[in-house]
Amino acid sequence: MAGRRSQIRVPAAFPRLAGDIRVIARLLNDYLRESDVDVPGTLAMDEYGDESDFADDQITHPVGHVILQAQRGLSTAADHMLGVAACIEAEDVIFATMSLLRPIVTATGTSYHLLDPDIGLRERLRRGWNLELNSLREQLNSLNKQDMPQAWERTAIARHQYLVWGRHHGYEQHSKKDRNGETRYWLADGSEDKQPPTDMRLAEAVLAALGDGSLGHAVYRFTSAFIHSQPHSFSLFQRAENQFDPETPYAVPLGVSYEDLATWVLVTTQAVYTAASRCGHYYGWDWRDWNQTVDPILSRWAEDLRPE
């Protein structure tokens, strides 16, 4: 019938993939909701118990804030995984699926960076508050001081408080004048004097367990192409034959194969797995439910992608 939208059927493999993603994301949310700092012998309990050594009038809960920051990375990843699942099941959503993968990798990269088991509390705090300083710089860059003076002033005061807190607790302060925008500040502590890692470096690190970091680099760059609508992003897709929408003349739908999509989802979920492992170690999670649920799913995905 003229004007009626054509029905694009979603092959059965896609809803199954979406269902698996939901299972993993919701289980991760369950673990995060039950995380606490009261498990004896864990890094969470030990470090939270030392918070008074770093708390002052500038920052009253420095350890708790950084711990929450790390949790938020995994919460953000779980939320985007549920978004990916919804897009995979939709009949007419393709590009948004790929755009949602980059935040998963960068968010898990943040958690992985902050919950490194091989660093001490001072370094964990330095990493966390450097990320906060970066975030405040971005906020100041997005605010027009003339049009929004009160919001700009509040943000500048918060940044000043973080820097004062750092000096009070023996951290050195480095700065770099950006060509366009606010001055970049970061805390250093002896030989640990690097600026906070970029999103790309976070993606490389969290996926380095699967290789040499090049995998994270590739995932970050390719998924960024969808966010910025760069022409080469379309190279992944094939023309969907005999499918068209009469309401949008001349628009040719594009499709993605199950194998291609499942590969990207598997790699992204491996980033979630790696960061969740560090979080579980920090809080002392009981991994039995995770191993019994997630490991078989990842094994099944890998089997689906194995060449015959």
Protein backbone atom coordinates (compact mmCIF):
# COMPACT_ATOMS: atom_id res chain seq x y z
CA MET A 1 0.00 0.00 0.00
CA ALA A 2 1.34 3.43 -0.96
CA GLY A 3 2.81 5.37 1.94
CA ARG A 4 3.02 2.34 4.23
CA ARG A 5 6.39 1.87 5.86
CA SER A 6 8.08 -1.38 4.84
CA GLN A 7 8.61 -3.84 7.67
CA ILE A 8 12.29 -4.68 8.12
CA ARG A 9 12.52 -7.96 9.96
CA VAL A 10 15.27 -8.48 12.51
CA PRO A 11 16.88 -11.95 12.21
CA ALA A 12 16.51 -14.10 15.31
CA ALA A 13 20.24 -13.96 16.11
CA PHE A 14 20.03 -10.24 16.83
CA PRO A 15 17.37 -10.40 19.60
CA ARG A 16 19.31 -13.27 21.17
CA LEU A 17 22.43 -11.10 21.19
CA ALA A 18 20.45 -8.23 22.71
CA GLY A 19 19.08 -10.54 25.40
CA ASP A 20 22.57 -11.68 26.36
CA ILE A 21 23.75 -8.08 26.62
CA ARG A 22 20.87 -7.26 28.97
CA VAL A 23 21.72 -10.21 31.19
CA ILE A 24 25.32 -9.03 31.58
CA ALA A 25 24.40 -5.37 32.13
CA ARG A 26 21.74 -6.14 34.74
CA LEU A 27 23.98 -8.56 36.61
CA LEU A 28 26.72 -5.92 36.70
CA ASN A 29 24.19 -3.44 38.09
CA ASP A 30 23.27 -5.94 40.79
CA TYR A 31 26.90 -6.23 41.85
CA LEU A 32 27.37 -2.46 41.85
CA ARG A 33 24.28 -1.90 43.99
CA GLU A 34 25.57 -4.33 46.61
CA SER A 35 29.13 -2.95 46.70
CA ASP A 36 30.19 -1.60 50.07
CA VAL A 37 33.37 -0.82 51.97
CA ASP A 38 32.70 -3.19 54.86
CA VAL A 39 34.23 -6.46 53.59
CA PRO A 40 37.24 -7.24 55.82
CA GLY A 41 40.55 -7.65 54.05
CA THR A 42 39.54 -5.74 50.92
CA LEU A 43 41.19 -2.67 49.46
CA ALA A 44 37.87 -0.87 49.72
CA MET A 45 37.70 -1.32 53.49
CA ASP A 46 41.38 -0.57 54.07
CA GLU A 47 41.46 2.58 51.97
CA TYR A 48 38.13 3.95 53.12
CA GLY A 49 39.34 3.46 56.68
CA ASP A 50 42.23 5.84 55.93
CA GLU A 51 40.00 8.59 54.57
CA SER A 52 40.44 10.80 57.63
CA ASP A 53 44.14 11.15 56.73
CA PHE A 54 43.16 12.96 53.53
CA ALA A 55 39.92 14.73 54.47
CA ASP A 56 39.88 18.45 55.24
CA ASP A 57 37.68 21.52 54.83
CA GLN A 58 38.33 21.58 51.08
CA ILE A 59 37.31 17.98 50.35
CA THR A 60 35.46 16.18 53.13
CA HIS A 61 35.25 12.71 51.49
CA PRO A 62 38.21 12.40 49.10
CA VAL A 63 38.40 8.59 49.14
CA GLY A 64 34.66 8.00 48.98
CA HIS A 65 34.38 10.34 46.02
CA VAL A 66 37.06 8.56 44.00
CA ILE A 67 35.55 5.15 44.80
CA LEU A 68 32.16 6.41 43.63
CA GLN A 69 33.79 7.82 40.50
CA ALA A 70 35.13 4.37 39.65
CA GLN A 71 31.73 2.79 40.24
CA ARG A 72 30.07 5.35 38.01
CA GLY A 73 32.28 4.27 35.15
CA LEU A 74 30.86 0.76 35.29
CA SER A 75 27.33 2.06 35.89
CA THR A 76 27.68 4.20 32.77
CA ALA A 77 28.91 1.18 30.82
CA ALA A 78 25.98 -0.96 31.98
CA ASP A 79 23.52 1.77 31.03
CA HIS A 80 24.99 2.05 27.53
CA MET A 81 24.96 -1.73 27.16
CA LEU A 82 21.21 -1.66 27.73
CA GLY A 83 21.01 1.06 25.09
CA VAL A 84 22.97 -1.13 22.67
CA ALA A 85 20.55 -4.01 23.33
CA ALA A 86 17.56 -1.79 22.54
CA CYS A 87 19.16 -0.58 19.31
CA ILE A 88 20.06 -4.11 18.18
CA GLU A 89 16.43 -5.19 18.47
CA ALA A 90 15.06 -2.13 16.67
CA GLU A 91 14.10 -2.62 13.04
CA ASP A 92 15.45 0.70 11.80
CA VAL A 93 18.39 1.62 14.05
CA ILE A 94 21.92 0.91 12.85
CA PHE A 95 24.37 3.77 13.39
CA ALA A 96 23.34 4.62 16.97
CA THR A 97 24.32 1.09 18.00
CA MET A 98 27.93 1.75 17.06
CA SER A 99 27.94 5.22 18.64
CA LEU A 100 27.01 3.71 22.01
CA LEU A 101 30.04 1.43 22.04
CA ARG A 102 32.63 4.17 22.54
CA PRO A 103 31.25 5.42 25.89
CA ILE A 104 31.31 1.83 27.16
CA VAL A 105 35.01 1.48 26.43
CA THR A 106 36.00 4.89 27.82
CA ALA A 107 33.82 4.53 30.93
CA THR A 108 35.24 1.10 31.72
CA GLY A 109 38.69 2.53 31.03
CA THR A 110 38.11 5.08 33.79
CA SER A 111 37.16 2.37 36.29
CA TYR A 112 40.12 0.25 35.23
CA HIS A 113 42.48 3.22 35.66
CA LEU A 114 41.19 4.16 39.10
CA LEU A 115 40.95 0.66 40.59
CA ASP A 116 44.43 -0.53 39.66
CA PRO A 117 45.32 -3.03 42.44
CA ASP A 118 49.04 -2.29 42.13
CA ILE A 119 48.89 1.35 43.25
CA GLY A 120 48.55 2.83 46.71
CA LEU A 121 45.89 5.15 48.05
CA ARG A 122 47.89 8.33 47.37
CA GLU A 123 48.19 7.45 43.69
CA ARG A 124 44.54 6.40 43.49
CA LEU A 125 43.53 9.76 44.90
CA ARG A 126 45.88 11.60 42.55
CA ARG A 127 44.37 9.82 39.54
CA GLY A 128 40.81 10.42 40.67
CA TRP A 129 41.20 14.10 41.46
CA ASN A 130 43.14 14.73 38.27
CA LEU A 131 40.16 13.38 36.37
CA GLU A 132 37.96 15.74 38.39
CA LEU A 133 40.22 18.69 37.55
CA ASN A 134 39.98 17.76 33.88
CA SER A 135 36.22 17.61 34.14
CA LEU A 136 36.01 21.03 35.77
CA ARG A 137 38.21 22.47 33.03
CA GLU A 138 35.77 21.13 30.46
CA GLN A 139 32.89 22.68 32.39
CA LEU A 140 34.63 26.05 32.46
CA ASN A 141 35.31 25.80 28.73
CA SER A 142 31.61 25.14 28.10
CA LEU A 143 30.43 28.07 30.24
CA ASN A 144 30.44 31.63 28.97
CA LYS A 145 31.84 33.73 31.80
CA GLN A 146 30.02 36.84 30.63
CA ASP A 147 26.63 35.19 30.10
CA MET A 148 26.78 32.72 33.03
CA PRO A 149 29.01 34.39 35.63
CA GLN A 150 27.55 32.61 38.68
CA ALA A 151 27.87 29.11 37.21
CA TRP A 152 31.38 29.89 35.99
CA GLU A 153 32.40 31.25 39.41
CA ARG A 154 31.05 28.18 41.27
CA THR A 155 33.03 25.88 39.01
CA ALA A 156 36.20 27.95 39.34
CA ILE A 157 35.86 27.90 43.14
CA ALA A 158 35.52 24.10 43.12
CA ARG A 159 38.68 23.79 41.02
CA HIS A 160 40.53 26.08 43.44
CA GLN A 161 39.41 23.91 46.37
CA TYR A 162 40.74 20.77 44.71
CA LEU A 163 44.11 22.41 44.07
CA VAL A 164 44.34 23.71 47.65
CA TRP A 165 43.47 20.22 48.94
CA GLY A 166 46.30 18.79 46.83
CA ARG A 167 48.85 21.23 48.24
CA HIS A 168 47.69 20.52 51.79
CA HIS A 169 48.41 16.81 51.29
CA GLY A 170 51.80 17.09 49.66
CA TYR A 171 50.91 16.87 45.99
CA GLU A 172 52.78 19.05 43.53
CA GLN A 173 50.77 21.16 41.12
CA HIS A 174 51.51 21.35 37.41
CA SER A 175 49.77 23.47 34.81
CA LYS A 176 49.75 24.02 31.08
CA LYS A 177 48.13 26.87 29.21
CA ASP A 178 45.87 25.49 26.52
CA ARG A 179 45.85 27.35 23.26
CA ASN A 180 42.07 27.63 23.25
CA GLY A 181 40.43 27.39 26.64
CA GLU A 182 41.11 27.18 30.34
CA THR A 183 44.50 26.36 31.85
CA ARG A 184 45.02 22.64 32.40
CA TYR A 185 45.96 21.74 35.99
CA TRP A 186 47.01 18.38 37.37
CA LEU A 187 48.53 16.96 40.53
CA ALA A 188 51.89 15.19 40.67
CA ASP A 189 53.46 13.05 43.37
CA GLY A 190 57.15 12.35 43.00
CA SER A 191 57.75 10.37 39.82
CA GLU A 192 53.99 10.18 39.17
CA ASP A 193 53.70 13.44 37.30
CA LYS A 194 51.87 12.68 34.07
CA GLN A 195 48.64 14.34 33.06
CA PRO A 196 45.50 12.19 33.29
CA PRO A 197 45.17 9.83 30.33
CA THR A 198 43.06 10.76 27.34
CA ASP A 199 39.92 8.78 26.51
CA MET A 200 41.89 6.95 23.83
CA ARG A 201 44.58 5.93 26.31
CA LEU A 202 41.91 4.69 28.73
CA ALA A 203 40.42 2.56 25.94
CA GLU A 204 43.84 1.17 25.03
CA ALA A 205 44.62 0.26 28.63
CA VAL A 206 41.38 -1.53 29.45
CA LEU A 207 41.66 -3.69 26.34
CA ALA A 208 45.42 -4.24 26.54
CA ALA A 209 44.78 -7.60 28.24
CA LEU A 210 43.57 -8.81 24.83
CA GLY A 211 46.66 -7.56 23.00
CA ASP A 212 49.13 -4.71 22.97
CA GLY A 213 46.70 -1.81 23.20
CA SER A 214 46.14 -1.55 19.46
CA LEU A 215 42.72 -3.16 19.84
CA GLY A 216 41.53 -0.42 22.19
CA HIS A 217 42.97 2.17 19.83
CA ALA A 218 41.08 0.71 16.89
CA VAL A 219 37.78 0.41 18.77
CA TYR A 220 38.01 3.97 20.04
CA ARG A 221 38.89 5.48 16.67
CA PHE A 222 36.36 3.50 14.65
CA THR A 223 33.45 4.07 17.02
CA SER A 224 34.39 7.75 17.17
CA ALA A 225 33.83 7.87 13.43
CA PHE A 226 30.13 7.19 13.97
CA ILE A 227 29.80 9.85 16.64
CA HIS A 228 31.36 12.41 14.30
CA SER A 229 29.60 11.09 11.17
CA GLN A 230 32.84 10.58 9.29
CA PRO A 231 32.52 9.03 5.83
CA HIS A 232 34.71 5.99 6.48
CA SER A 233 32.36 4.81 9.24
CA PHE A 234 29.97 3.61 6.54
CA SER A 235 32.51 1.10 5.27
CA LEU A 236 31.24 -1.44 7.82
CA PHE A 237 27.76 -1.59 6.33
CA GLN A 238 26.25 -3.26 3.31
CA ARG A 239 23.23 -2.20 1.29
CA ALA A 240 20.07 -3.85 2.56
CA GLU A 241 18.60 -5.25 -0.64
CA ASN A 242 14.86 -4.93 -1.31
CA GLN A 243 14.30 -2.77 1.75
CA PHE A 244 13.23 0.83 1.51
CA ASP A 245 11.10 3.39 3.23
CA PRO A 246 8.63 5.09 0.88
CA GLU A 247 8.33 7.96 3.35
CA THR A 248 11.95 8.93 2.77
CA PRO A 249 12.57 8.76 -1.00
CA TYR A 250 16.06 7.95 -2.20
CA ALA A 251 17.17 6.74 1.23
CA VAL A 252 18.78 3.32 0.94
CA PRO A 253 18.84 1.40 4.23
CA LEU A 254 22.15 -0.11 5.21
CA GLY A 255 22.61 -3.32 7.12
CA VAL A 256 25.29 -4.88 9.29
CA SER A 257 25.97 -8.59 9.44
CA TYR A 258 25.50 -10.47 12.69
CA GLU A 259 29.15 -11.54 12.63
CA ASP A 260 30.43 -7.96 12.35
CA LEU A 261 28.13 -6.65 15.04
CA ALA A 262 28.80 -9.55 17.42
CA THR A 263 32.54 -9.01 17.03
CA TRP A 264 32.29 -5.37 18.10
CA VAL A 265 29.96 -6.27 20.97
CA LEU A 266 32.27 -9.06 22.15
CA VAL A 267 35.31 -6.79 22.21
CA THR A 268 33.41 -4.03 24.02
CA THR A 269 32.05 -6.49 26.57
CA GLN A 270 35.58 -7.73 27.20
CA ALA A 271 36.40 -4.17 28.31
CA VAL A 272 33.47 -4.35 30.73
CA TYR A 273 34.66 -7.74 31.96
CA THR A 274 38.20 -6.49 32.56
CA ALA A 275 37.12 -3.39 34.47
CA ALA A 276 34.52 -5.33 36.47
CA SER A 277 37.25 -7.77 37.52
CA ARG A 278 39.24 -4.92 39.04
CA CYS A 279 36.15 -3.56 40.74
CA GLY A 280 35.33 -7.00 42.11
CA HIS A 281 38.83 -7.37 43.48
CA TYR A 282 38.60 -3.97 45.15
CA TYR A 283 35.28 -4.70 46.85
CA GLY A 284 35.68 -8.42 47.39
CA TRP A 285 32.78 -9.52 45.19
CA ASP A 286 31.66 -13.13 45.19
CA TRP A 287 32.25 -13.99 41.53
CA ARG A 288 30.26 -17.22 41.38
CA ASP A 289 27.15 -15.69 39.82
CA TRP A 290 29.26 -13.71 37.36
CA ASN A 291 31.32 -16.71 36.27
CA GLN A 292 28.28 -18.96 35.95
CA THR A 293 26.38 -16.39 33.89
CA VAL A 294 28.79 -14.27 31.89
CA ASP A 295 31.52 -16.75 30.99
CA PRO A 296 29.14 -19.08 29.08
CA ILE A 297 27.70 -16.10 27.17
CA LEU A 298 31.13 -14.89 26.05
CA SER A 299 32.12 -18.45 25.10
CA ARG A 300 28.96 -18.82 23.02
CA TRP A 301 29.62 -15.52 21.22
CA ALA A 302 33.18 -16.59 20.46
CA GLU A 303 31.91 -19.93 19.14
CA ASP A 304 29.40 -18.15 16.89
CA LEU A 305 32.25 -16.13 15.38
CA ARG A 306 34.62 -19.04 14.89
CA PRO A 307 35.20 -19.79 11.17
CA GLU A 308 33.71 -23.08 10.06
